[in-house]
């Protein structure tokens, strides 16, 4: 029915036939507390209907749609706010399943893990049900979710940062690190090192607050921001825009910095592979993210974000939902060896 890569959510319509399905009851994730028991049900490693048990480890994490924890990325990019962290074992295949409270109510949708071995290390992440309830109806009605955008990036003010800026150590807010040229924020005279403390009537104490409040407004919404600049209060009136996906995609491809080609029969013979497989890297732009990751001309890409690529068309499809601020997971073959590399596409 629709998908939203920047919330890592999609809606699939099925024909249930004569199967008597019982819809899950959606709980209010804003009421979830650290230490609360939760159950994850999914398809880890292809093992259908697997259940795991644990607690809510933390709340309010932020997660780029690529699936790694971070603060706000450089715009235009998107970060999912208020992510639920759990130690209920979550593995590849749990994504898109359910995270339930002990009454069987949905509190989140598992989406990612933090692990050095691509398996459960006790740090799993779930999109909260509050975001599910916000995004899913739009996907059903329109096939897409329109994210608001004002064009800033930054992070949360901590006591250490406040002290370094000669502010009271109790000062909190979202620190503006960068303002995108031509964005609503620039038009509203917001500058780097400004501190956002309120959006309309809602207080902003952290980056997660900023993201969660902003996403409640549609494109073309009028916002009044309360800010500090060099210790002085001021306000800015801005109008949100729709998140510029095309521009973010172009920047991501530029940052990746490679040209690929299909493997010719002659080069395939040299690699002793009887079947067509992968795309050969024809060029690597100097100082690009791929060069920094150690990728070389002549390496072969077998997968992009866990999708096997046999042709240029496969590659374009796999890259279609990759934007600036995301990461790209590549499976590379060099000689007889294959290995995974994660390429960050933030500035």
C-alpha atoms as a PDB file:
ATOM      1  CA  UNK A   1       0.000   0.000   0.000  1.00  0.00           C
ATOM      2  CA  UNK A   2       2.870   2.331   0.724  1.00  0.00           C
ATOM      3  CA  UNK A   3       6.246   2.685   2.370  1.00  0.00           C
ATOM      4  CA  UNK A   4       8.220   5.289   4.254  1.00  0.00           C
ATOM      5  CA  UNK A   5      11.964   4.538   4.335  1.00  0.00           C
ATOM      6  CA  UNK A   6      12.555   7.407   6.760  1.00  0.00           C
ATOM      7  CA  UNK A   7      10.374   5.739   9.380  1.00  0.00           C
ATOM      8  CA  UNK A   8      11.422   2.248   8.242  1.00  0.00           C
ATOM      9  CA  UNK A   9       7.735   1.333   7.943  1.00  0.00           C
ATOM     10  CA  UNK A  10       5.617  -0.119   5.148  1.00  0.00           C
ATOM     11  CA  UNK A  11       2.051  -1.335   4.766  1.00  0.00           C
ATOM     12  CA  UNK A  12       1.266  -4.562   2.895  1.00  0.00           C
ATOM     13  CA  UNK A  13      -2.278  -5.529   1.905  1.00  0.00           C
ATOM     14  CA  UNK A  14      -3.000  -9.263   1.928  1.00  0.00           C
ATOM     15  CA  UNK A  15      -5.905 -11.471   0.968  1.00  0.00           C
ATOM     16  CA  UNK A  16      -6.544 -13.398   4.168  1.00  0.00           C
ATOM     17  CA  UNK A  17      -9.109 -15.649   2.531  1.00  0.00           C
ATOM     18  CA  UNK A  18     -10.905 -17.685   5.179  1.00  0.00           C
ATOM     19  CA  UNK A  19      -8.203 -17.194   7.803  1.00  0.00           C
ATOM     20  CA  UNK A  20      -9.661 -15.623  10.941  1.00  0.00           C
ATOM     21  CA  UNK A  21      -7.097 -12.955  11.793  1.00  0.00           C
ATOM     22  CA  UNK A  22      -7.122 -11.093  15.102  1.00  0.00           C
ATOM     23  CA  UNK A  23      -5.731  -7.539  14.753  1.00  0.00           C
ATOM     24  CA  UNK A  24      -3.155  -6.563  17.326  1.00  0.00           C
ATOM     25  CA  UNK A  25      -4.158  -3.879  19.806  1.00  0.00           C
ATOM     26  CA  UNK A  26      -1.879  -0.843  19.612  1.00  0.00           C
ATOM     27  CA  UNK A  27      -0.674   0.533  22.939  1.00  0.00           C
ATOM     28  CA  UNK A  28       0.482   4.087  23.659  1.00  0.00           C
ATOM     29  CA  UNK A  29       4.291   3.947  23.456  1.00  0.00           C
ATOM     30  CA  UNK A  30       4.575   7.303  25.248  1.00  0.00           C
ATOM     31  CA  UNK A  31       3.557   5.420  28.420  1.00  0.00           C
ATOM     32  CA  UNK A  32       6.307   2.798  28.112  1.00  0.00           C
ATOM     33  CA  UNK A  33       8.898   2.898  30.916  1.00  0.00           C
ATOM     34  CA  UNK A  34      12.504   1.637  31.154  1.00  0.00           C
ATOM     35  CA  UNK A  35      12.557  -1.734  32.905  1.00  0.00           C
ATOM     36  CA  UNK A  36       9.146  -2.722  31.544  1.00  0.00           C
ATOM     37  CA  UNK A  37       8.935  -6.324  30.293  1.00  0.00           C
ATOM     38  CA  UNK A  38       8.459  -6.745  26.537  1.00  0.00           C
ATOM     39  CA  UNK A  39       8.211  -9.607  24.057  1.00  0.00           C
ATOM     40  CA  UNK A  40       9.530  -9.591  20.470  1.00  0.00           C
ATOM     41  CA  UNK A  41       7.923 -11.875  17.883  1.00  0.00           C
ATOM     42  CA  UNK A  42       9.360 -12.198  14.399  1.00  0.00           C
ATOM     43  CA  UNK A  43      11.247 -14.263  11.861  1.00  0.00           C
ATOM     44  CA  UNK A  44      14.908 -14.228  13.004  1.00  0.00           C
ATOM     45  CA  UNK A  45      17.196 -16.003  10.543  1.00  0.00           C
ATOM     46  CA  UNK A  46      14.080 -17.372   8.822  1.00  0.00           C
ATOM     47  CA  UNK A  47      12.787 -19.104  11.966  1.00  0.00           C
ATOM     48  CA  UNK A  48       9.121 -18.081  11.761  1.00  0.00           C
ATOM     49  CA  UNK A  49       7.036 -17.111  14.805  1.00  0.00           C
ATOM     50  CA  UNK A  50      10.000 -16.913  17.164  1.00  0.00           C
ATOM     51  CA  UNK A  51       9.421 -15.226  20.524  1.00  0.00           C
ATOM     52  CA  UNK A  52      12.047 -13.568  22.711  1.00  0.00           C
ATOM     53  CA  UNK A  53      11.700 -11.842  26.067  1.00  0.00           C
ATOM     54  CA  UNK A  54      13.412  -8.933  27.792  1.00  0.00           C
ATOM     55  CA  UNK A  55      12.973  -5.428  29.115  1.00  0.00           C
ATOM     56  CA  UNK A  56      12.879  -1.909  27.728  1.00  0.00           C
ATOM     57  CA  UNK A  57      16.507  -0.868  28.181  1.00  0.00           C
ATOM     58  CA  UNK A  58      16.127   2.818  27.284  1.00  0.00           C
ATOM     59  CA  UNK A  59      13.813   5.313  25.628  1.00  0.00           C
ATOM     60  CA  UNK A  60      14.305   8.350  23.420  1.00  0.00           C
ATOM     61  CA  UNK A  61      17.114   6.945  21.281  1.00  0.00           C
ATOM     62  CA  UNK A  62      17.526   8.438  17.810  1.00  0.00           C
ATOM     63  CA  UNK A  63      18.131   6.233  14.809  1.00  0.00           C
ATOM     64  CA  UNK A  64      19.002   7.204  11.237  1.00  0.00           C
ATOM     65  CA  UNK A  65      16.846   5.260   8.806  1.00  0.00           C
ATOM     66  CA  UNK A  66      19.965   3.305   7.841  1.00  0.00           C
ATOM     67  CA  UNK A  67      19.769   1.544  11.178  1.00  0.00           C
ATOM     68  CA  UNK A  68      22.665   2.879  13.275  1.00  0.00           C
ATOM     69  CA  UNK A  69      22.339   5.080  16.332  1.00  0.00           C
ATOM     70  CA  UNK A  70      23.337   8.695  15.931  1.00  0.00           C
ATOM     71  CA  UNK A  71      22.265  12.237  16.676  1.00  0.00           C
ATOM     72  CA  UNK A  72      20.757  14.459  13.999  1.00  0.00           C
ATOM     73  CA  UNK A  73      22.532  14.009  10.689  1.00  0.00           C
ATOM     74  CA  UNK A  74      23.445  16.753   8.238  1.00  0.00           C
ATOM     75  CA  UNK A  75      20.327  17.911   6.357  1.00  0.00           C
ATOM     76  CA  UNK A  76      18.720  16.888   4.184  1.00  0.00           C
ATOM     77  CA  UNK A  77      18.563  13.565   5.983  1.00  0.00           C
ATOM     78  CA  UNK A  78      16.149  12.001   8.427  1.00  0.00           C
ATOM     79  CA  UNK A  79      16.466  10.503  11.871  1.00  0.00           C
ATOM     80  CA  UNK A  80      13.732   8.478  13.591  1.00  0.00           C
ATOM     81  CA  UNK A  81      13.072   9.912  17.082  1.00  0.00           C
ATOM     82  CA  UNK A  82      11.972   8.273  20.351  1.00  0.00           C
ATOM     83  CA  UNK A  83      13.264   4.837  19.398  1.00  0.00           C
ATOM     84  CA  UNK A  84      12.735   2.109  22.021  1.00  0.00           C
ATOM     85  CA  UNK A  85      15.858   0.181  23.011  1.00  0.00           C
ATOM     86  CA  UNK A  86      15.354  -3.371  24.277  1.00  0.00           C
ATOM     87  CA  UNK A  87      17.481  -6.304  25.376  1.00  0.00           C
ATOM     88  CA  UNK A  88      14.866  -8.786  24.137  1.00  0.00           C
ATOM     89  CA  UNK A  89      16.961 -10.709  21.578  1.00  0.00           C
ATOM     90  CA  UNK A  90      16.405  -9.166  18.134  1.00  0.00           C
ATOM     91  CA  UNK A  91      18.174 -10.578  15.075  1.00  0.00           C
ATOM     92  CA  UNK A  92      18.060 -10.127  11.288  1.00  0.00           C
ATOM     93  CA  UNK A  93      14.523 -11.151  10.361  1.00  0.00           C
ATOM     94  CA  UNK A  94      12.869  -9.566  13.405  1.00  0.00           C
ATOM     95  CA  UNK A  95      12.467  -6.281  11.524  1.00  0.00           C
ATOM     96  CA  UNK A  96       8.816  -5.631  10.739  1.00  0.00           C
ATOM     97  CA  UNK A  97       7.671  -7.939  13.525  1.00  0.00           C
ATOM     98  CA  UNK A  98       6.187  -6.801  16.806  1.00  0.00           C
ATOM     99  CA  UNK A  99       7.409  -5.640  20.195  1.00  0.00           C
ATOM    100  CA  UNK A 100       4.599  -6.298  22.683  1.00  0.00           C
ATOM    101  CA  UNK A 101       3.874  -5.531  26.311  1.00  0.00           C
ATOM    102  CA  UNK A 102       2.840  -8.441  28.548  1.00  0.00           C
ATOM    103  CA  UNK A 103      -0.823  -7.817  27.701  1.00  0.00           C
ATOM    104  CA  UNK A 104      -0.015  -8.547  24.053  1.00  0.00           C
ATOM    105  CA  UNK A 105      -0.387  -4.931  22.925  1.00  0.00           C
ATOM    106  CA  UNK A 106       1.922  -3.411  20.319  1.00  0.00           C
ATOM    107  CA  UNK A 107       4.420  -0.900  21.731  1.00  0.00           C
ATOM    108  CA  UNK A 108       6.853  -0.910  18.799  1.00  0.00           C
ATOM    109  CA  UNK A 109       8.077  -2.458  15.552  1.00  0.00           C
ATOM    110  CA  UNK A 110      11.632  -3.921  15.722  1.00  0.00           C
ATOM    111  CA  UNK A 111      13.816  -2.254  13.134  1.00  0.00           C
ATOM    112  CA  UNK A 112      17.542  -2.552  13.888  1.00  0.00           C
ATOM    113  CA  UNK A 113      20.267  -3.896  16.133  1.00  0.00           C
ATOM    114  CA  UNK A 114      23.604  -2.611  17.348  1.00  0.00           C
ATOM    115  CA  UNK A 115      26.047  -5.492  17.030  1.00  0.00           C
ATOM    116  CA  UNK A 116      29.629  -6.106  15.916  1.00  0.00           C
ATOM    117  CA  UNK A 117      28.639  -9.562  14.619  1.00  0.00           C
ATOM    118  CA  UNK A 118      25.266  -8.841  12.915  1.00  0.00           C
ATOM    119  CA  UNK A 119      23.503 -10.891  15.576  1.00  0.00           C
ATOM    120  CA  UNK A 120      21.864 -10.118  18.896  1.00  0.00           C
ATOM    121  CA  UNK A 121      24.182  -8.427  21.376  1.00  0.00           C
ATOM    122  CA  UNK A 122      21.361  -7.341  23.664  1.00  0.00           C
ATOM    123  CA  UNK A 123      20.878  -3.981  21.958  1.00  0.00           C
ATOM    124  CA  UNK A 124      17.802  -3.926  19.733  1.00  0.00           C
ATOM    125  CA  UNK A 125      15.736  -0.985  18.536  1.00  0.00           C
ATOM    126  CA  UNK A 126      12.035  -0.604  17.742  1.00  0.00           C
ATOM    127  CA  UNK A 127      10.030   2.173  16.090  1.00  0.00           C
ATOM    128  CA  UNK A 128       7.519   3.280  18.765  1.00  0.00           C
ATOM    129  CA  UNK A 129       3.816   2.676  18.237  1.00  0.00           C
ATOM    130  CA  UNK A 130       3.171   6.428  18.383  1.00  0.00           C
ATOM    131  CA  UNK A 131       5.070   6.812  15.101  1.00  0.00           C
ATOM    132  CA  UNK A 132       3.383   3.706  13.655  1.00  0.00           C
ATOM    133  CA  UNK A 133      -0.034   5.243  14.341  1.00  0.00           C
ATOM    134  CA  UNK A 134       1.060   8.504  12.750  1.00  0.00           C
ATOM    135  CA  UNK A 135       2.633   7.055   9.594  1.00  0.00           C
ATOM    136  CA  UNK A 136       0.560   3.977   8.757  1.00  0.00           C
ATOM    137  CA  UNK A 137      -2.783   5.746   8.094  1.00  0.00           C
ATOM    138  CA  UNK A 138      -0.997   8.078   5.669  1.00  0.00           C
ATOM    139  CA  UNK A 139       0.608   5.140   3.863  1.00  0.00           C
ATOM    140  CA  UNK A 140      -2.791   3.487   3.471  1.00  0.00           C
ATOM    141  CA  UNK A 141      -4.473   6.686   2.279  1.00  0.00           C
ATOM    142  CA  UNK A 142      -1.698   8.205   0.132  1.00  0.00           C
ATOM    143  CA  UNK A 143       1.001   5.562  -0.286  1.00  0.00           C
ATOM    144  CA  UNK A 144       3.571   7.894   1.309  1.00  0.00           C
ATOM    145  CA  UNK A 145       4.227  10.005   4.377  1.00  0.00           C
ATOM    146  CA  UNK A 146       5.180  13.644   3.923  1.00  0.00           C
ATOM    147  CA  UNK A 147       7.974  14.544   6.314  1.00  0.00           C
ATOM    148  CA  UNK A 148       8.349  18.173   7.360  1.00  0.00           C
ATOM    149  CA  UNK A 149      11.725  19.807   6.764  1.00  0.00           C
ATOM    150  CA  UNK A 150      13.290  23.055   7.955  1.00  0.00           C
ATOM    151  CA  UNK A 151      16.938  22.401   7.047  1.00  0.00           C
ATOM    152  CA  UNK A 152      18.993  22.189  10.209  1.00  0.00           C
ATOM    153  CA  UNK A 153      21.251  19.601  11.821  1.00  0.00           C
ATOM    154  CA  UNK A 154      22.937  19.510  15.183  1.00  0.00           C
ATOM    155  CA  UNK A 155      22.688  17.803  18.549  1.00  0.00           C
ATOM    156  CA  UNK A 156      21.598  18.067  22.165  1.00  0.00           C
ATOM    157  CA  UNK A 157      23.036  20.669  24.543  1.00  0.00           C
ATOM    158  CA  UNK A 158      24.809  18.916  27.418  1.00  0.00           C
ATOM    159  CA  UNK A 159      26.248  20.503  30.549  1.00  0.00           C
ATOM    160  CA  UNK A 160      29.740  20.220  29.022  1.00  0.00           C
ATOM    161  CA  UNK A 161      28.665  21.938  25.801  1.00  0.00           C
ATOM    162  CA  UNK A 162      26.780  24.612  27.764  1.00  0.00           C
ATOM    163  CA  UNK A 163      29.884  25.310  29.875  1.00  0.00           C
ATOM    164  CA  UNK A 164      32.052  25.588  26.757  1.00  0.00           C
ATOM    165  CA  UNK A 165      29.573  28.123  25.328  1.00  0.00           C
ATOM    166  CA  UNK A 166      29.599  30.179  28.571  1.00  0.00           C
ATOM    167  CA  UNK A 167      26.004  29.229  29.315  1.00  0.00           C
ATOM    168  CA  UNK A 168      24.500  27.914  32.556  1.00  0.00           C
ATOM    169  CA  UNK A 169      25.250  24.212  32.907  1.00  0.00           C
ATOM    170  CA  UNK A 170      21.501  23.616  33.279  1.00  0.00           C
ATOM    171  CA  UNK A 171      20.813  25.033  29.790  1.00  0.00           C
ATOM    172  CA  UNK A 172      19.101  22.486  27.552  1.00  0.00           C
ATOM    173  CA  UNK A 173      17.837  22.499  23.994  1.00  0.00           C
ATOM    174  CA  UNK A 174      18.673  21.435  20.455  1.00  0.00           C
ATOM    175  CA  UNK A 175      21.951  22.949  19.298  1.00  0.00           C
ATOM    176  CA  UNK A 176      21.977  23.997  15.648  1.00  0.00           C
ATOM    177  CA  UNK A 177      25.177  22.713  14.029  1.00  0.00           C
ATOM    178  CA  UNK A 178      24.452  23.439  10.387  1.00  0.00           C
ATOM    179  CA  UNK A 179      21.840  25.306   8.361  1.00  0.00           C
ATOM    180  CA  UNK A 180      21.202  24.175   4.785  1.00  0.00           C
ATOM    181  CA  UNK A 181      21.473  26.919   2.198  1.00  0.00           C
ATOM    182  CA  UNK A 182      18.083  28.049   0.867  1.00  0.00           C
ATOM    183  CA  UNK A 183      16.195  26.124   3.563  1.00  0.00           C
ATOM    184  CA  UNK A 184      13.297  27.479   5.667  1.00  0.00           C
ATOM    185  CA  UNK A 185      15.701  27.759   8.617  1.00  0.00           C
ATOM    186  CA  UNK A 186      18.067  30.013   6.646  1.00  0.00           C
ATOM    187  CA  UNK A 187      15.138  32.112   5.451  1.00  0.00           C
ATOM    188  CA  UNK A 188      14.089  32.448   9.107  1.00  0.00           C
ATOM    189  CA  UNK A 189      17.579  33.747  10.038  1.00  0.00           C
ATOM    190  CA  UNK A 190      18.496  30.703  12.127  1.00  0.00           C
ATOM    191  CA  UNK A 191      22.260  30.274  12.418  1.00  0.00           C
ATOM    192  CA  UNK A 192      24.757  27.649  13.556  1.00  0.00           C
ATOM    193  CA  UNK A 193      25.236  27.617  17.375  1.00  0.00           C
ATOM    194  CA  UNK A 194      21.681  28.850  17.949  1.00  0.00           C
ATOM    195  CA  UNK A 195      19.823  26.831  20.598  1.00  0.00           C
ATOM    196  CA  UNK A 196      16.204  25.839  19.980  1.00  0.00           C
ATOM    197  CA  UNK A 197      14.273  25.755  23.268  1.00  0.00           C
ATOM    198  CA  UNK A 198      10.660  25.694  22.056  1.00  0.00           C
ATOM    199  CA  UNK A 199       8.612  24.937  18.931  1.00  0.00           C
ATOM    200  CA  UNK A 200       5.281  26.729  19.165  1.00  0.00           C
ATOM    201  CA  UNK A 201       4.242  25.917  22.749  1.00  0.00           C
ATOM    202  CA  UNK A 202       6.204  22.676  23.085  1.00  0.00           C
ATOM    203  CA  UNK A 203       9.493  22.790  25.043  1.00  0.00           C
ATOM    204  CA  UNK A 204      12.622  21.373  23.390  1.00  0.00           C
ATOM    205  CA  UNK A 205      15.227  19.913  25.747  1.00  0.00           C
ATOM    206  CA  UNK A 206      16.872  17.348  23.466  1.00  0.00           C
ATOM    207  CA  UNK A 207      17.399  16.498  19.812  1.00  0.00           C
ATOM    208  CA  UNK A 208      14.768  13.781  20.174  1.00  0.00           C
ATOM    209  CA  UNK A 209      12.282  16.395  21.425  1.00  0.00           C
ATOM    210  CA  UNK A 210      12.990  18.547  18.385  1.00  0.00           C
ATOM    211  CA  UNK A 211      12.510  15.659  15.951  1.00  0.00           C
ATOM    212  CA  UNK A 212       9.372  14.328  17.624  1.00  0.00           C
ATOM    213  CA  UNK A 213       7.707  17.754  17.774  1.00  0.00           C
ATOM    214  CA  UNK A 214       8.667  18.666  14.209  1.00  0.00           C
ATOM    215  CA  UNK A 215       7.246  15.489  12.690  1.00  0.00           C
ATOM    216  CA  UNK A 216       3.828  16.325  14.147  1.00  0.00           C
ATOM    217  CA  UNK A 217       3.502  19.142  11.612  1.00  0.00           C
ATOM    218  CA  UNK A 218       2.820  18.714   7.884  1.00  0.00           C
ATOM    219  CA  UNK A 219       4.693  20.572   5.125  1.00  0.00           C
ATOM    220  CA  UNK A 220       3.657  24.237   4.818  1.00  0.00           C
ATOM    221  CA  UNK A 221       2.947  24.495   8.568  1.00  0.00           C
ATOM    222  CA  UNK A 222       3.727  27.758  10.358  1.00  0.00           C
ATOM    223  CA  UNK A 223       6.161  27.365  13.261  1.00  0.00           C
ATOM    224  CA  UNK A 224       7.335  29.806  15.884  1.00  0.00           C
ATOM    225  CA  UNK A 225      10.713  28.829  17.337  1.00  0.00           C
ATOM    226  CA  UNK A 226      12.122  30.167  20.585  1.00  0.00           C
ATOM    227  CA  UNK A 227      15.930  30.275  20.538  1.00  0.00           C
ATOM    228  CA  UNK A 228      19.036  31.465  22.348  1.00  0.00           C
ATOM    229  CA  UNK A 229      21.846  33.164  20.450  1.00  0.00           C
ATOM    230  CA  UNK A 230      24.917  34.121  22.443  1.00  0.00           C
ATOM    231  CA  UNK A 231      22.875  34.127  25.620  1.00  0.00           C
ATOM    232  CA  UNK A 232      20.105  36.321  24.211  1.00  0.00           C
ATOM    233  CA  UNK A 233      16.543  35.178  23.588  1.00  0.00           C
ATOM    234  CA  UNK A 234      14.955  35.605  20.163  1.00  0.00           C
ATOM    235  CA  UNK A 235      12.268  34.000  18.038  1.00  0.00           C
ATOM    236  CA  UNK A 236      12.007  32.880  14.431  1.00  0.00           C
ATOM    237  CA  UNK A 237       8.899  32.284  12.331  1.00  0.00           C
ATOM    238  CA  UNK A 238       9.347  29.694   9.592  1.00  0.00           C
ATOM    239  CA  UNK A 239       7.234  27.601   7.232  1.00  0.00           C
ATOM    240  CA  UNK A 240       8.030  23.895   6.927  1.00  0.00           C
ATOM    241  CA  UNK A 241       8.661  22.298   3.553  1.00  0.00           C
ATOM    242  CA  UNK A 242       8.380  18.708   2.383  1.00  0.00           C
ATOM    243  CA  UNK A 243      11.552  16.729   2.896  1.00  0.00           C
ATOM    244  CA  UNK A 244      13.585  17.080  -0.358  1.00  0.00           C
ATOM    245  CA  UNK A 245      14.138  13.432  -1.228  1.00  0.00           C
ATOM    246  CA  UNK A 246      15.426  13.969  -4.764  1.00  0.00           C
ATOM    247  CA  UNK A 247      18.155  16.329  -3.608  1.00  0.00           C
ATOM    248  CA  UNK A 248      19.101  13.995  -0.758  1.00  0.00           C
ATOM    249  CA  UNK A 249      19.323  11.061  -3.197  1.00  0.00           C
ATOM    250  CA  UNK A 250      21.567  13.013  -5.574  1.00  0.00           C
ATOM    251  CA  UNK A 251      23.888  13.977  -2.720  1.00  0.00           C
ATOM    252  CA  UNK A 252      24.012  10.361  -1.506  1.00  0.00           C
ATOM    253  CA  UNK A 253      25.050   9.082  -4.941  1.00  0.00           C
ATOM    254  CA  UNK A 254      27.688  11.810  -5.168  1.00  0.00           C
ATOM    255  CA  UNK A 255      29.062  10.905  -1.736  1.00  0.00           C
ATOM    256  CA  UNK A 256      29.192   7.216  -2.691  1.00  0.00           C
ATOM    257  CA  UNK A 257      31.453   8.214  -5.580  1.00  0.00           C
ATOM    258  CA  UNK A 258      31.585   5.122  -7.772  1.00  0.00           C
ATOM    259  CA  UNK A 259      30.721   4.077 -11.299  1.00  0.00           C
ATOM    260  CA  UNK A 260      29.652   0.474 -11.817  1.00  0.00           C
ATOM    261  CA  UNK A 261      29.275  -1.716 -14.867  1.00  0.00           C
ATOM    262  CA  UNK A 262      27.986  -5.169 -15.650  1.00  0.00           C
ATOM    263  CA  UNK A 263      30.641  -7.874 -15.776  1.00  0.00           C
ATOM    264  CA  UNK A 264      31.561  -8.862 -19.306  1.00  0.00           C
ATOM    265  CA  UNK A 265      31.922 -12.498 -20.305  1.00  0.00           C
ATOM    266  CA  UNK A 266      35.699 -12.154 -20.631  1.00  0.00           C
ATOM    267  CA  UNK A 267      36.207 -10.601 -17.213  1.00  0.00           C
ATOM    268  CA  UNK A 268      33.829 -13.154 -15.707  1.00  0.00           C
ATOM    269  CA  UNK A 269      35.986 -15.955 -17.085  1.00  0.00           C
ATOM    270  CA  UNK A 270      39.031 -14.397 -15.426  1.00  0.00           C
ATOM    271  CA  UNK A 271      37.228 -14.494 -12.107  1.00  0.00           C
ATOM    272  CA  UNK A 272      36.289 -18.161 -12.673  1.00  0.00           C
ATOM    273  CA  UNK A 273      32.590 -17.543 -12.086  1.00  0.00           C
ATOM    274  CA  UNK A 274      30.394 -19.570 -14.427  1.00  0.00           C
ATOM    275  CA  UNK A 275      27.216 -17.550 -13.756  1.00  0.00           C
ATOM    276  CA  UNK A 276      26.635 -13.780 -14.147  1.00  0.00           C
ATOM    277  CA  UNK A 277      27.018 -12.261 -10.704  1.00  0.00           C
ATOM    278  CA  UNK A 278      27.538  -8.782  -9.349  1.00  0.00           C
ATOM    279  CA  UNK A 279      28.662  -5.479 -10.786  1.00  0.00           C
ATOM    280  CA  UNK A 280      32.267  -4.487 -11.309  1.00  0.00           C
ATOM    281  CA  UNK A 281      33.414  -1.115  -9.947  1.00  0.00           C
ATOM    282  CA  UNK A 282      34.730   0.759 -12.987  1.00  0.00           C
ATOM    283  CA  UNK A 283      35.755   3.994 -11.244  1.00  0.00           C
ATOM    284  CA  UNK A 284      36.236   5.218  -7.679  1.00  0.00           C
ATOM    285  CA  UNK A 285      36.241   8.980  -7.258  1.00  0.00           C
ATOM    286  CA  UNK A 286      39.214  10.272  -5.225  1.00  0.00           C
ATOM    287  CA  UNK A 287      38.323  11.215  -1.617  1.00  0.00           C
ATOM    288  CA  UNK A 288      34.859   9.657  -1.961  1.00  0.00           C
ATOM    289  CA  UNK A 289      33.321   7.573   0.826  1.00  0.00           C
ATOM    290  CA  UNK A 290      34.021   4.347  -1.039  1.00  0.00           C
ATOM    291  CA  UNK A 291      37.701   5.236  -1.492  1.00  0.00           C
ATOM    292  CA  UNK A 292      37.927   6.095   2.209  1.00  0.00           C
ATOM    293  CA  UNK A 293      36.427   2.664   2.978  1.00  0.00           C
ATOM    294  CA  UNK A 294      39.174   0.965   0.927  1.00  0.00           C
ATOM    295  CA  UNK A 295      37.105  -0.045  -2.096  1.00  0.00           C
ATOM    296  CA  UNK A 296      39.125  -0.257  -5.307  1.00  0.00           C
ATOM    297  CA  UNK A 297      38.514  -0.248  -9.023  1.00  0.00           C
ATOM    298  CA  UNK A 298      37.922  -3.849 -10.124  1.00  0.00           C
ATOM    299  CA  UNK A 299      36.137  -4.887  -6.909  1.00  0.00           C
ATOM    300  CA  UNK A 300      32.757  -6.533  -7.460  1.00  0.00           C
ATOM    301  CA  UNK A 301      29.534  -5.523  -5.696  1.00  0.00           C
ATOM    302  CA  UNK A 302      27.418  -8.594  -4.925  1.00  0.00           C
ATOM    303  CA  UNK A 303      24.786  -6.942  -2.690  1.00  0.00           C
ATOM    304  CA  UNK A 304      23.496  -3.456  -1.875  1.00  0.00           C
ATOM    305  CA  UNK A 305      21.674  -3.233   1.462  1.00  0.00           C
ATOM    306  CA  UNK A 306      21.317  -7.043   1.478  1.00  0.00           C
ATOM    307  CA  UNK A 307      19.742  -7.034  -2.010  1.00  0.00           C
ATOM    308  CA  UNK A 308      21.593  -9.095  -4.616  1.00  0.00           C
ATOM    309  CA  UNK A 309      22.509  -7.083  -7.719  1.00  0.00           C
ATOM    310  CA  UNK A 310      23.063  -8.734 -11.104  1.00  0.00           C
ATOM    311  CA  UNK A 311      22.488  -5.737 -13.383  1.00  0.00           C
ATOM    312  CA  UNK A 312      22.625  -1.955 -13.511  1.00  0.00           C
ATOM    313  CA  UNK A 313      18.851  -1.959 -13.141  1.00  0.00           C
ATOM    314  CA  UNK A 314      19.182  -3.971  -9.911  1.00  0.00           C
ATOM    315  CA  UNK A 315      21.722  -1.440  -8.644  1.00  0.00           C
ATOM    316  CA  UNK A 316      19.471   1.539  -9.435  1.00  0.00           C
ATOM    317  CA  UNK A 317      16.523  -0.109  -7.667  1.00  0.00           C
ATOM    318  CA  UNK A 318      18.621  -0.916  -4.607  1.00  0.00           C
ATOM    319  CA  UNK A 319      19.871   2.687  -4.425  1.00  0.00           C
ATOM    320  CA  UNK A 320      16.435   4.233  -5.038  1.00  0.00           C
ATOM    321  CA  UNK A 321      15.683   4.650  -1.332  1.00  0.00           C
ATOM    322  CA  UNK A 322      19.152   5.706  -0.199  1.00  0.00           C
ATOM    323  CA  UNK A 323      19.476   9.365   0.740  1.00  0.00           C
ATOM    324  CA  UNK A 324      22.038  11.638   2.300  1.00  0.00           C
ATOM    325  CA  UNK A 325      22.302  10.739   5.974  1.00  0.00           C
ATOM    326  CA  UNK A 326      21.701   7.042   5.311  1.00  0.00           C
ATOM    327  CA  UNK A 327      24.309   4.285   5.256  1.00  0.00           C
ATOM    328  CA  UNK A 328      24.814   1.762   2.461  1.00  0.00           C
ATOM    329  CA  UNK A 329      25.747  -1.829   3.278  1.00  0.00           C
ATOM    330  CA  UNK A 330      27.781  -3.370   0.440  1.00  0.00           C
ATOM    331  CA  UNK A 331      28.861  -6.976   0.006  1.00  0.00           C
ATOM    332  CA  UNK A 332      32.140  -6.736  -1.900  1.00  0.00           C
ATOM    333  CA  UNK A 333      34.121  -9.503  -3.576  1.00  0.00           C
ATOM    334  CA  UNK A 334      37.837  -9.047  -4.160  1.00  0.00           C
ATOM    335  CA  UNK A 335      39.522 -12.051  -5.689  1.00  0.00           C
ATOM    336  CA  UNK A 336      38.243 -15.133  -3.880  1.00  0.00           C
ATOM    337  CA  UNK A 337      37.186 -13.238  -0.739  1.00  0.00           C
ATOM    338  CA  UNK A 338      33.910 -11.507   0.121  1.00  0.00           C
ATOM    339  CA  UNK A 339      33.312  -8.997   2.914  1.00  0.00           C
ATOM    340  CA  UNK A 340      30.716  -6.470   4.086  1.00  0.00           C
ATOM    341  CA  UNK A 341      31.367  -2.732   4.245  1.00  0.00           C
ATOM    342  CA  UNK A 342      29.097  -0.023   5.624  1.00  0.00           C
ATOM    343  CA  UNK A 343      29.490   3.288   3.777  1.00  0.00           C
ATOM    344  CA  UNK A 344      28.213   6.358   5.687  1.00  0.00           C
ATOM    345  CA  UNK A 345      26.633   8.985   3.427  1.00  0.00           C
ATOM    346  CA  UNK A 346      26.513  11.903   5.854  1.00  0.00           C
ATOM    347  CA  UNK A 347      28.562  15.028   5.146  1.00  0.00           C
END
